[in-house]
Amino acid sequence: MGMKAVSLPISHMIPVIKSLERKAASTSTSESMTTTDQLRGNGYDSGSNTDDFVLRGIPEPQNSASPHELSLTVTPIDPCKPVPVIPNPVDPPITPPSHSFPADSVPDEQTAFPDGIILNEVFPAPEGSDDELEFIEVANTGSDDADIGGWSLTDTKTTFTIPAGTAVESEQALAFFRPDTKITLNNTGDVVYLMNPNGEIANGVEYGKAENDLSFSFFPDGGWKWTVASPNEENVLPDNEVNQVGEPGEPSGNTAVTIAQARTAEKGTEVLLNGIVIAGSDILGSKTFYLQDDTAGIKVVATKEALPQLEAGDVISLSGTVSTELGQPKINVADVGTIVVTSTQEVLPHEIAIPDIADYPNQLVVVHGKVESIERSTIVIADEQGASVEAYIKRTTGISKPSWQAGDTVSVAGIVDITDSGARILPRFPEDLTLAAVLGESTDEQQSISFATTADDRRIRWYLLGGVGLAAAAALVVWERYRHRQPIVESQPEASHLIR
């Protein structure tokens, strides 16, 4: 897979409390270990690791004196300090019981993923063959070894899923080469994301035009810099390469944040966001859509290219820059190629009271009340306590003015927009405007016809009225004929004397 093993600091290899060892298949003693019977006890294998292995405070003889079967080269890292052996406070040693867990016993909760897994290096323009030597490197900055199987790398065009069981040791890195990932890193600039198994962006980097045979590498105290490639090794910035740092342009790397964090970030901060689309492309403005997560909502604007087709309910990730508009935060996206749709799901509004609307900026809400006034594109509704809110219908939505009257009980859903005059609601679709059913009346859907004032429409109106009149006249004629054919009843005392 183009992966290269890396050495651990020697301190990582020293057991400090217990030995994890395979159970003995038969009894062995210290004496037998010095004879031809020295392998007795090795090899117990039932096919279940939980049954075959055990933690011991003192290793069994066959595990402490048997010949080595594995060859391991450990490279110390200077300065190297010995790790003190910590006495086992448990006496006697406790052997944990073996358990098997049925699939249906696993709690239905979102999986917790290891912290500190980041993109560490991208190498887009090697001196030799791009097909063979390009790579993307992932690092584990956490204090524990991490299994990154199921994580994925993507440039938004090609996605590579890291194989199950792939581990990265603490403070080490692992490079994935192009023959395995099939990801082509563009020399003119590209974006790369690291995504967790839930399809959420954990980390990402965007770079500009690449210099030949230079790698874009991450340094915790200095950000991303152009330097020499170092797959599976610590990133190093040689003195003679300092003049290459940041050339050309100012590419950047980012860690995913919540929308609430993005709303409070300084203007110009580059961020990665995950969220669900609550108002799709161009519905509430050109090159505009709205994004929401569990913490907040925000307006997103494409500053250069047209947006891809995004619909309410699309779960996406994107890279953008924090900006402001009329004092409110927004996200500017210069490269719409960084917008990645990962899934879709139902999106439901927050049902809130009218006085609380300002607490939900750029989020999807629904309020209930009675129509106070309706004029052109503006509807004002109020609750029973007199609190009111304005719903403003934008022309880009294509929503027609509803035929509501003052006093009608209605529900209005939409995006909360904060203006200088206060908070208002921006409906997205006709379905966001709902007239409540009146008690005792049919709730069946009805349609009404309204007549316009153009000549063609007036002509259609008279045709309709004329047709209704002709139908009524025909019905009257039929009724008269039918009436004269009815039996005549004579004035008789008994019904049996009817004459036909």
Protein backbone atom coordinates (compact mmCIF):
# COMPACT_ATOMS: atom_id res chain seq x y z
CA MET A 1 0.00 0.00 0.00
CA GLY A 2 2.96 2.27 -0.18
CA MET A 3 3.09 2.43 3.60
CA LYS A 4 6.40 2.51 5.48
CA ALA A 5 6.76 1.31 9.04
CA VAL A 6 8.20 3.79 11.49
CA SER A 7 10.13 3.31 14.72
CA LEU A 8 8.68 4.10 18.10
CA PRO A 9 10.57 5.80 20.91
CA ILE A 10 11.92 3.06 23.14
CA SER A 11 9.73 4.18 26.02
CA HIS A 12 6.70 3.05 24.03
CA MET A 13 7.90 -0.56 24.07
CA ILE A 14 8.40 -1.07 27.83
CA PRO A 15 5.59 -2.84 29.71
CA VAL A 16 5.26 -1.00 32.98
CA ILE A 17 2.53 -2.91 34.81
CA LYS A 18 1.35 -6.20 33.26
CA SER A 19 2.12 -8.71 30.54
CA LEU A 20 -0.49 -9.52 27.91
CA GLU A 21 0.27 -13.13 26.99
CA ARG A 22 -1.29 -16.19 25.45
CA LYS A 23 -2.55 -18.81 27.93
CA ALA A 24 -0.56 -22.01 28.35
CA ALA A 25 -1.93 -25.05 26.55
CA SER A 26 -0.20 -27.29 29.16
CA THR A 27 1.73 -26.85 32.37
CA SER A 28 5.27 -25.54 32.12
CA THR A 29 7.85 -24.81 34.77
CA SER A 30 11.10 -22.92 35.06
CA GLU A 31 12.95 -26.24 35.00
CA SER A 32 11.28 -27.42 31.83
CA MET A 33 12.22 -24.18 30.12
CA THR A 34 15.91 -25.18 30.12
CA THR A 35 15.30 -28.55 28.47
CA THR A 36 14.10 -29.75 25.14
CA ASP A 37 10.63 -29.26 26.55
CA GLN A 38 11.16 -25.51 26.63
CA LEU A 39 8.25 -24.74 24.29
CA ARG A 40 5.64 -26.44 26.43
CA GLY A 41 2.72 -24.19 27.16
CA ASN A 42 2.93 -22.11 23.96
CA GLY A 43 0.30 -22.22 21.27
CA TYR A 44 -3.08 -22.32 23.05
CA ASP A 45 -5.44 -21.11 20.32
CA SER A 46 -9.23 -21.49 20.46
CA GLY A 47 -9.83 -18.92 17.72
CA SER A 48 -10.96 -16.26 20.21
CA ASN A 49 -8.44 -13.68 21.41
CA THR A 50 -10.59 -12.80 24.41
CA ASP A 51 -10.37 -16.43 25.54
CA ASP A 52 -6.73 -17.07 24.57
CA PHE A 53 -4.99 -14.01 26.07
CA VAL A 54 -4.69 -12.93 29.68
CA LEU A 55 -3.09 -10.06 31.64
CA ARG A 56 -0.50 -11.22 34.22
CA GLY A 57 1.59 -9.29 36.71
CA ILE A 58 4.42 -11.84 36.34
CA PRO A 59 4.93 -13.53 32.94
CA GLU A 60 4.61 -17.29 32.74
CA PRO A 61 7.94 -19.14 32.12
CA GLN A 62 7.22 -19.93 28.50
CA ASN A 63 6.67 -16.21 27.82
CA SER A 64 9.71 -15.01 29.74
CA ALA A 65 12.29 -17.59 28.67
CA SER A 66 11.16 -19.00 25.32
CA PRO A 67 13.17 -18.20 22.18
CA HIS A 68 12.31 -15.04 20.30
CA GLU A 69 10.00 -15.61 17.37
CA LEU A 70 9.81 -11.96 16.21
CA SER A 71 12.60 -9.63 15.20
CA LEU A 72 12.08 -6.04 16.31
CA THR A 73 14.44 -3.15 15.73
CA VAL A 74 13.97 -0.26 18.15
CA THR A 75 15.61 3.06 17.40
CA PRO A 76 16.06 5.22 20.52
CA ILE A 77 15.31 8.90 20.14
CA ASP A 78 17.74 11.24 21.91
CA PRO A 79 17.47 12.39 24.57
CA CYS A 80 16.01 9.11 25.83
CA LYS A 81 15.10 8.81 29.49
CA PRO A 82 14.27 5.42 31.00
CA VAL A 83 10.69 5.00 32.10
CA PRO A 84 10.44 3.91 35.74
CA VAL A 85 8.70 0.62 36.39
CA ILE A 86 5.53 1.26 38.32
CA PRO A 87 4.81 -1.40 40.96
CA ASN A 88 1.57 -3.26 40.47
CA PRO A 89 -0.69 -2.08 43.30
CA VAL A 90 -2.96 -5.11 42.90
CA ASP A 91 -1.89 -8.22 44.80
CA PRO A 92 -2.59 -10.88 43.68
CA PRO A 93 -2.84 -9.98 39.94
CA ILE A 94 -6.41 -9.86 38.66
CA THR A 95 -7.24 -11.76 35.49
CA PRO A 96 -10.15 -10.04 33.73
CA PRO A 97 -12.98 -12.38 32.73
CA SER A 98 -13.60 -13.18 29.10
CA HIS A 99 -16.82 -11.87 27.59
CA SER A 100 -18.54 -12.10 24.27
CA PHE A 101 -20.93 -9.32 23.31
CA PRO A 102 -23.86 -10.01 20.98
CA ALA A 103 -24.34 -7.49 18.22
CA ASP A 104 -27.68 -6.32 19.60
CA SER A 105 -26.12 -5.47 22.97
CA VAL A 106 -24.00 -2.63 21.57
CA PRO A 107 -25.50 0.77 22.53
CA ASP A 108 -26.90 2.73 19.61
CA GLU A 109 -24.69 5.77 20.08
CA GLN A 110 -22.46 7.73 17.77
CA THR A 111 -18.95 6.27 17.71
CA ALA A 112 -16.28 8.29 19.47
CA PHE A 113 -13.23 8.73 17.25
CA PRO A 114 -9.65 9.29 18.44
CA ASP A 115 -8.52 12.87 18.93
CA GLY A 116 -5.44 14.32 17.32
CA ILE A 117 -5.75 12.65 13.89
CA ILE A 118 -4.71 15.29 11.33
CA LEU A 119 -3.42 15.80 7.82
CA ASN A 120 0.31 16.24 8.15
CA GLU A 121 1.78 16.48 4.65
CA VAL A 122 0.81 16.53 0.97
CA PHE A 123 3.28 16.02 -1.87
CA PRO A 124 1.73 17.13 -5.17
CA ALA A 125 4.73 17.71 -7.46
CA PRO A 126 7.50 15.14 -7.01
CA GLU A 127 10.65 15.31 -9.14
CA GLY A 128 9.93 11.89 -10.63
CA SER A 129 6.64 10.29 -11.57
CA ASP A 130 3.55 11.92 -10.08
CA ASP A 131 1.70 8.63 -10.53
CA GLU A 132 4.05 6.79 -8.17
CA LEU A 133 5.44 9.36 -5.74
CA GLU A 134 2.58 11.67 -4.82
CA PHE A 135 1.34 11.06 -1.28
CA ILE A 136 -0.91 12.32 1.49
CA GLU A 137 0.27 11.83 5.06
CA VAL A 138 -1.85 11.43 8.19
CA ALA A 139 -0.38 11.99 11.67
CA ASN A 140 -1.51 10.96 15.14
CA THR A 141 -0.75 13.83 17.52
CA GLY A 142 -2.58 12.12 20.40
CA SER A 143 -1.02 10.37 23.36
CA ASP A 144 -2.41 6.93 22.42
CA ASP A 145 -2.04 4.74 19.36
CA ALA A 146 -5.06 5.10 17.07
CA ASP A 147 -6.94 2.86 14.66
CA ILE A 148 -7.84 4.97 11.61
CA GLY A 149 -9.48 2.22 9.60
CA GLY A 150 -12.64 3.60 8.00
CA TRP A 151 -11.36 7.19 7.87
CA SER A 152 -11.06 8.62 4.37
CA LEU A 153 -9.05 11.07 2.28
CA THR A 154 -10.61 13.09 -0.52
CA ASP A 155 -9.85 15.92 -2.91
CA THR A 156 -13.65 16.23 -3.53
CA LYS A 157 -13.24 14.29 -6.77
CA THR A 158 -11.79 10.99 -5.57
CA THR A 159 -12.22 9.42 -2.13
CA PHE A 160 -9.93 6.83 -0.58
CA THR A 161 -11.11 4.88 2.47
CA ILE A 162 -8.31 3.78 4.78
CA PRO A 163 -8.41 -0.02 5.22
CA ALA A 164 -9.76 -1.52 8.43
CA GLY A 165 -7.13 -2.22 11.05
CA THR A 166 -4.74 0.52 9.91
CA ALA A 167 -3.06 1.94 13.02
CA VAL A 168 -0.96 5.04 13.56
CA GLU A 169 1.20 5.08 16.66
CA SER A 170 1.25 8.02 19.00
CA GLU A 171 3.20 10.99 17.62
CA GLN A 172 3.89 9.15 14.37
CA ALA A 173 2.73 9.59 10.78
CA LEU A 174 1.65 7.33 7.94
CA ALA A 175 1.85 8.24 4.25
CA PHE A 176 -0.66 7.00 1.65
CA PHE A 177 0.68 7.03 -1.90
CA ARG A 178 -1.21 7.72 -5.11
CA PRO A 179 -1.13 4.11 -6.43
CA ASP A 180 -3.25 3.19 -3.39
CA THR A 181 -5.42 6.28 -2.98
CA LYS A 182 -5.99 6.99 -6.71
CA ILE A 183 -6.09 10.67 -5.67
CA THR A 184 -4.40 13.03 -8.15
CA LEU A 185 -3.00 16.12 -6.43
CA ASN A 186 -3.11 19.05 -8.85
CA ASN A 187 0.13 20.96 -9.22
CA THR A 188 -1.79 24.20 -9.79
CA GLY A 189 -3.52 24.00 -6.41
CA ASP A 190 -5.98 21.69 -4.71
CA VAL A 191 -7.83 20.90 -1.51
CA VAL A 192 -7.54 17.72 0.58
CA TYR A 193 -9.81 16.63 3.42
CA LEU A 194 -9.44 14.00 6.12
CA MET A 195 -12.89 12.67 7.04
CA ASN A 196 -13.91 10.47 9.95
CA PRO A 197 -16.00 7.31 9.40
CA ASN A 198 -19.21 9.37 9.84
CA GLY A 199 -18.30 11.36 6.73
CA GLU A 200 -17.50 14.52 8.72
CA ILE A 201 -14.44 16.63 7.96
CA ALA A 202 -11.92 16.26 10.77
CA ASN A 203 -9.11 18.21 9.13
CA GLY A 204 -8.22 19.72 5.78
CA VAL A 205 -5.73 21.74 3.81
CA GLU A 206 -5.86 23.93 0.71
CA TYR A 207 -2.68 24.79 -1.17
CA GLY A 208 -1.80 27.02 -4.10
CA LYS A 209 0.54 26.37 -7.01
CA ALA A 210 3.10 23.79 -5.94
CA GLU A 211 6.84 24.15 -6.36
CA ASN A 212 8.55 21.21 -8.04
CA ASP A 213 9.70 18.54 -5.58
CA LEU A 214 8.49 20.47 -2.52
CA SER A 215 6.03 19.11 -0.01
CA PHE A 216 3.36 21.12 1.85
CA SER A 217 3.91 20.16 5.49
CA PHE A 218 2.30 21.04 8.80
CA PHE A 219 4.27 22.41 11.77
CA PRO A 220 2.39 22.81 15.07
CA ASP A 221 4.13 26.08 15.89
CA GLY A 222 4.17 27.54 12.40
CA GLY A 223 1.30 26.19 10.33
CA TRP A 224 1.72 24.88 6.80
CA LYS A 225 4.97 25.44 4.92
CA TRP A 226 6.60 24.32 1.69
CA THR A 227 9.62 22.14 2.44
CA VAL A 228 11.31 18.86 1.51
CA ALA A 229 9.20 15.71 1.44
CA SER A 230 9.48 13.36 4.43
CA PRO A 231 6.96 10.53 4.13
CA ASN A 232 6.43 8.56 7.36
CA GLU A 233 8.93 10.78 9.15
CA GLU A 234 8.94 13.97 11.17
CA ASN A 235 8.47 17.11 9.10
CA VAL A 236 11.70 19.09 8.92
CA LEU A 237 12.35 22.56 7.56
CA PRO A 238 16.04 22.78 6.50
CA ASP A 239 17.79 26.14 6.76
CA ASN A 240 18.44 26.24 3.04
CA GLU A 241 14.72 25.84 2.33
CA VAL A 242 13.48 28.74 4.46
CA ASN A 243 13.16 30.98 1.41
CA GLN A 244 10.65 28.57 -0.07
CA VAL A 245 8.17 28.81 2.83
CA GLY A 246 4.74 29.92 1.74
CA GLU A 247 5.69 30.34 -1.91
CA PRO A 248 3.65 31.00 -3.88
CA GLY A 249 0.47 32.39 -2.37
CA GLU A 250 -0.81 31.75 1.12
CA PRO A 251 -2.36 28.27 1.25
CA SER A 252 -3.85 27.29 4.57
CA GLY A 253 -4.80 24.29 6.67
CA ASN A 254 -7.81 24.16 8.94
CA THR A 255 -9.46 22.08 11.64
CA ALA A 256 -13.23 21.59 11.57
CA VAL A 257 -15.16 23.83 13.99
CA THR A 258 -18.79 24.20 14.95
CA ILE A 259 -20.92 26.90 13.36
CA ALA A 260 -21.23 28.60 16.76
CA GLN A 261 -17.42 28.81 16.90
CA ALA A 262 -17.28 30.16 13.34
CA ARG A 263 -19.83 32.88 14.18
CA THR A 264 -17.58 34.21 16.94
CA ALA A 265 -14.28 33.83 15.06
CA GLU A 266 -12.36 36.86 13.84
CA LYS A 267 -13.03 38.12 10.33
CA GLY A 268 -10.65 36.42 7.90
CA THR A 269 -10.40 33.18 9.86
CA GLU A 270 -10.38 30.15 7.59
CA VAL A 271 -12.61 27.34 8.82
CA LEU A 272 -13.93 23.92 7.93
CA LEU A 273 -17.63 23.37 8.67
CA ASN A 274 -19.98 20.40 8.76
CA GLY A 275 -23.73 20.95 8.73
CA ILE A 276 -27.10 20.49 7.08
CA VAL A 277 -28.43 22.81 4.38
CA ILE A 278 -31.63 24.55 5.56
CA ALA A 279 -32.12 26.85 2.54
CA GLY A 280 -30.73 25.68 -0.79
CA SER A 281 -28.72 27.35 -3.52
CA ASP A 282 -30.01 30.79 -4.63
CA ILE A 283 -33.35 30.42 -2.81
CA LEU A 284 -32.77 33.43 -0.55
CA GLY A 285 -30.20 35.26 -2.66
CA SER A 286 -27.77 34.85 -5.52
CA LYS A 287 -24.88 32.45 -4.78
CA THR A 288 -26.26 32.06 -1.27
CA PHE A 289 -27.44 29.22 0.97
CA TYR A 290 -27.87 28.67 4.70
CA LEU A 291 -26.16 26.03 6.83
CA GLN A 292 -27.02 24.80 10.33
CA ASP A 293 -25.59 22.33 12.85
CA ASP A 294 -26.47 21.45 16.44
CA THR A 295 -24.97 24.71 17.70
CA ALA A 296 -26.05 27.50 15.32
CA GLY A 297 -26.81 28.55 11.75
CA ILE A 298 -24.98 30.77 9.27
CA LYS A 299 -25.27 32.33 5.82
CA VAL A 300 -22.85 31.02 3.18
CA VAL A 301 -21.95 33.00 0.05
CA ALA A 302 -19.93 31.87 -2.99
CA THR A 303 -17.70 34.82 -3.85
CA LYS A 304 -16.59 33.71 -7.32
CA GLU A 305 -18.24 30.74 -8.98
CA ALA A 306 -21.90 29.74 -9.05
CA LEU A 307 -22.95 27.32 -6.36
CA PRO A 308 -23.57 23.64 -7.06
CA GLN A 309 -27.20 22.57 -6.69
CA LEU A 310 -27.78 22.25 -2.94
CA GLU A 311 -31.14 21.29 -1.47
CA ALA A 312 -32.55 21.59 2.04
CA GLY A 313 -31.56 18.41 3.86
CA ASP A 314 -28.16 17.98 2.20
CA VAL A 315 -25.49 17.17 4.80
CA ILE A 316 -22.28 18.87 3.64
CA SER A 317 -18.75 19.87 4.53
CA LEU A 318 -17.09 23.03 3.24
CA SER A 319 -14.04 25.23 3.55
CA GLY A 320 -14.48 28.99 3.76
CA THR A 321 -13.52 32.28 5.36
CA VAL A 322 -15.35 34.11 8.14
CA SER A 323 -16.70 37.48 7.03
CA THR A 324 -19.53 39.85 7.97
CA GLU A 325 -22.53 41.42 6.28
CA LEU A 326 -24.51 44.23 7.94
CA GLY A 327 -22.86 43.32 11.21
CA GLN A 328 -23.80 39.64 11.00
CA PRO A 329 -21.27 36.82 10.46
CA LYS A 330 -21.25 34.83 7.24
CA ILE A 331 -18.96 32.40 5.45
CA ASN A 332 -17.39 33.30 2.12
CA VAL A 333 -16.47 30.36 -0.12
CA ALA A 334 -13.99 31.20 -2.87
CA ASP A 335 -13.73 27.65 -4.23
CA VAL A 336 -17.10 25.89 -4.45
CA GLY A 337 -15.18 22.68 -5.14
CA THR A 338 -14.57 22.47 -1.39
CA ILE A 339 -18.30 21.90 -0.82
CA VAL A 340 -18.86 18.16 -0.38
CA VAL A 341 -22.30 16.57 0.02
CA THR A 342 -21.90 13.53 2.27
CA SER A 343 -25.55 12.47 2.81
CA THR A 344 -29.12 13.74 3.10
CA GLN A 345 -31.57 13.79 5.98
CA GLU A 346 -34.87 15.34 6.98
CA VAL A 347 -34.57 18.88 8.27
CA LEU A 348 -37.10 20.15 10.80
CA PRO A 349 -37.51 23.73 12.10
CA HIS A 350 -37.18 24.85 15.70
CA GLU A 351 -40.71 25.56 16.99
CA ILE A 352 -40.29 28.76 19.00
CA ALA A 353 -42.25 31.58 20.58
CA ILE A 354 -42.28 34.88 18.70
CA PRO A 355 -40.40 36.83 21.44
CA ASP A 356 -37.49 34.36 21.22
CA ILE A 357 -36.85 34.71 17.49
CA ALA A 358 -33.72 36.86 17.86
CA ASP A 359 -32.05 34.01 19.76
CA TYR A 360 -31.99 31.87 16.58
CA PRO A 361 -30.03 33.92 13.98
CA ASN A 362 -29.75 32.20 10.58
CA GLN A 363 -31.55 29.09 11.86
CA LEU A 364 -34.69 27.39 10.57
CA VAL A 365 -37.68 28.13 12.82
CA VAL A 366 -41.50 28.05 12.79
CA VAL A 367 -43.80 30.41 14.71
CA HIS A 368 -47.59 30.53 15.15
CA GLY A 369 -49.94 33.49 15.48
CA LYS A 370 -52.63 35.59 13.89
CA VAL A 371 -52.21 37.83 10.86
CA GLU A 372 -51.89 41.42 12.01
CA SER A 373 -51.28 42.89 8.58
CA ILE A 374 -50.35 41.76 5.08
CA GLU A 375 -49.00 44.08 2.42
CA ARG A 376 -47.09 43.15 -0.72
CA SER A 377 -44.21 40.92 0.39
CA THR A 378 -44.50 41.57 4.11
CA ILE A 379 -46.71 39.69 6.57
CA VAL A 380 -46.87 40.61 10.24
CA ILE A 381 -48.14 38.00 12.66
CA ALA A 382 -48.67 38.36 16.40
CA ASP A 383 -49.19 36.01 19.32
CA GLU A 384 -51.88 36.29 22.01
CA GLN A 385 -49.64 38.50 24.14
CA GLY A 386 -49.14 40.99 21.33
CA ALA A 387 -45.55 40.07 20.41
CA SER A 388 -45.16 40.29 16.63
CA VAL A 389 -42.71 39.32 13.92
CA GLU A 390 -42.38 40.17 10.25
CA ALA A 391 -42.20 37.53 7.53
CA TYR A 392 -40.63 38.84 4.35
CA ILE A 393 -41.12 37.00 1.05
CA LYS A 394 -38.11 37.40 -1.24
CA ARG A 395 -38.71 37.43 -4.99
CA THR A 396 -36.06 34.74 -5.49
CA THR A 397 -38.34 32.23 -3.72
CA GLY A 398 -41.14 32.49 -6.28
CA ILE A 399 -43.71 32.48 -3.45
CA SER A 400 -46.98 34.25 -4.27
CA LYS A 401 -48.62 36.55 -1.74
CA PRO A 402 -51.03 34.39 0.29
CA SER A 403 -54.73 35.31 0.29
CA TRP A 404 -54.81 35.66 4.06
CA GLN A 405 -56.94 38.15 5.95
CA ALA A 406 -56.24 40.01 9.18
CA GLY A 407 -57.14 37.75 12.08
CA ASP A 408 -56.36 34.48 10.30
CA THR A 409 -54.48 31.96 12.43
CA VAL A 410 -51.31 30.94 10.59
CA SER A 411 -47.92 29.27 10.90
CA VAL A 412 -44.81 30.70 9.26
CA ALA A 413 -41.52 28.80 8.84
CA GLY A 414 -38.24 30.08 7.46
CA ILE A 415 -34.75 31.38 8.13
CA VAL A 416 -34.24 33.99 10.85
CA ASP A 417 -32.67 37.09 9.32
CA ILE A 418 -31.24 39.77 11.62
CA THR A 419 -31.57 43.33 10.29
CA ASP A 420 -31.04 46.82 11.71
CA SER A 421 -34.74 46.95 12.55
CA GLY A 422 -34.78 43.56 14.26
CA ALA A 423 -35.31 39.89 13.48
CA ARG A 424 -37.56 38.69 10.68
CA ILE A 425 -38.38 35.37 9.01
CA LEU A 426 -37.53 34.55 5.40
CA PRO A 427 -39.86 31.80 4.08
CA ARG A 428 -38.27 29.46 1.52
CA PHE A 429 -41.19 27.65 -0.11
CA PRO A 430 -44.98 28.08 -0.35
CA GLU A 431 -45.23 25.22 2.17
CA ASP A 432 -43.59 27.47 4.78
CA LEU A 433 -46.82 29.53 4.90
CA THR A 434 -49.71 27.58 6.42
CA LEU A 435 -53.27 28.70 7.18
CA ALA A 436 -54.65 26.90 10.23
CA ALA A 437 -57.93 24.97 9.79
CA VAL A 438 -61.00 26.58 11.41
CA LEU A 439 -62.76 24.41 14.01
CA GLY A 440 -65.89 22.81 12.56
CA GLU A 441 -64.92 23.38 8.91
CA SER A 442 -63.71 20.77 6.47
CA THR A 443 -59.93 20.43 6.36
CA ASP A 444 -60.00 18.95 2.85
CA GLU A 445 -57.69 20.79 0.50
CA GLN A 446 -59.62 23.29 -1.63
CA GLN A 447 -58.62 25.38 -4.58
CA SER A 448 -59.89 28.83 -5.48
CA ILE A 449 -59.79 30.70 -8.79
CA SER A 450 -58.72 34.33 -8.94
CA PHE A 451 -59.22 36.36 -12.09
CA ALA A 452 -56.57 38.68 -13.44
CA THR A 453 -57.26 41.91 -15.31
CA THR A 454 -55.65 41.26 -18.67
CA ALA A 455 -57.85 41.06 -21.79
CA ASP A 456 -57.11 37.37 -22.28
CA ASP A 457 -57.95 36.57 -18.68
CA ARG A 458 -61.22 38.56 -18.87
CA ARG A 459 -62.17 36.62 -21.99
CA ILE A 460 -61.49 33.32 -20.20
CA ARG A 461 -63.62 34.56 -17.32
CA TRP A 462 -66.64 35.22 -19.56
CA TYR A 463 -66.19 31.85 -21.24
CA LEU A 464 -66.33 30.19 -17.85
CA LEU A 465 -69.37 32.16 -16.73
CA GLY A 466 -71.12 31.52 -20.04
CA GLY A 467 -70.43 27.81 -19.75
CA VAL A 468 -71.88 27.75 -16.25
CA GLY A 469 -75.01 29.57 -17.50
CA LEU A 470 -75.58 27.15 -20.38
CA ALA A 471 -75.19 24.21 -18.06
CA ALA A 472 -77.78 25.67 -15.68
CA ALA A 473 -80.29 26.25 -18.52
CA ALA A 474 -79.86 22.70 -19.77
CA ALA A 475 -80.42 21.36 -16.28
CA LEU A 476 -83.68 23.38 -15.98
CA VAL A 477 -85.03 21.95 -19.25
CA VAL A 478 -84.29 18.40 -18.15
CA TRP A 479 -85.97 19.01 -14.82
CA GLU A 480 -89.18 20.35 -16.43
CA ARG A 481 -89.43 17.31 -18.67
CA TYR A 482 -88.87 14.96 -15.78
CA ARG A 483 -91.44 16.76 -13.61
CA HIS A 484 -94.25 16.34 -16.17
CA ARG A 485 -93.66 12.58 -16.32
CA GLN A 486 -94.33 12.09 -12.57
CA PRO A 487 -97.52 10.12 -11.51
CA ILE A 488 -100.64 12.16 -10.74
CA VAL A 489 -102.14 11.54 -7.29
CA GLU A 490 -105.97 11.98 -6.97
CA SER A 491 -107.44 13.20 -3.76
CA GLN A 492 -108.41 9.82 -2.28
CA PRO A 493 -108.67 8.74 1.30
CA GLU A 494 -106.46 5.65 0.82
CA ALA A 495 -103.17 5.17 -0.97
CA SER A 496 -104.46 1.99 -2.64
CA HIS A 497 -106.63 4.12 -4.98
CA LEU A 498 -103.71 5.69 -6.85
CA ILE A 499 -104.42 6.08 -10.61
CA ARG A 500 -101.50 5.63 -12.99
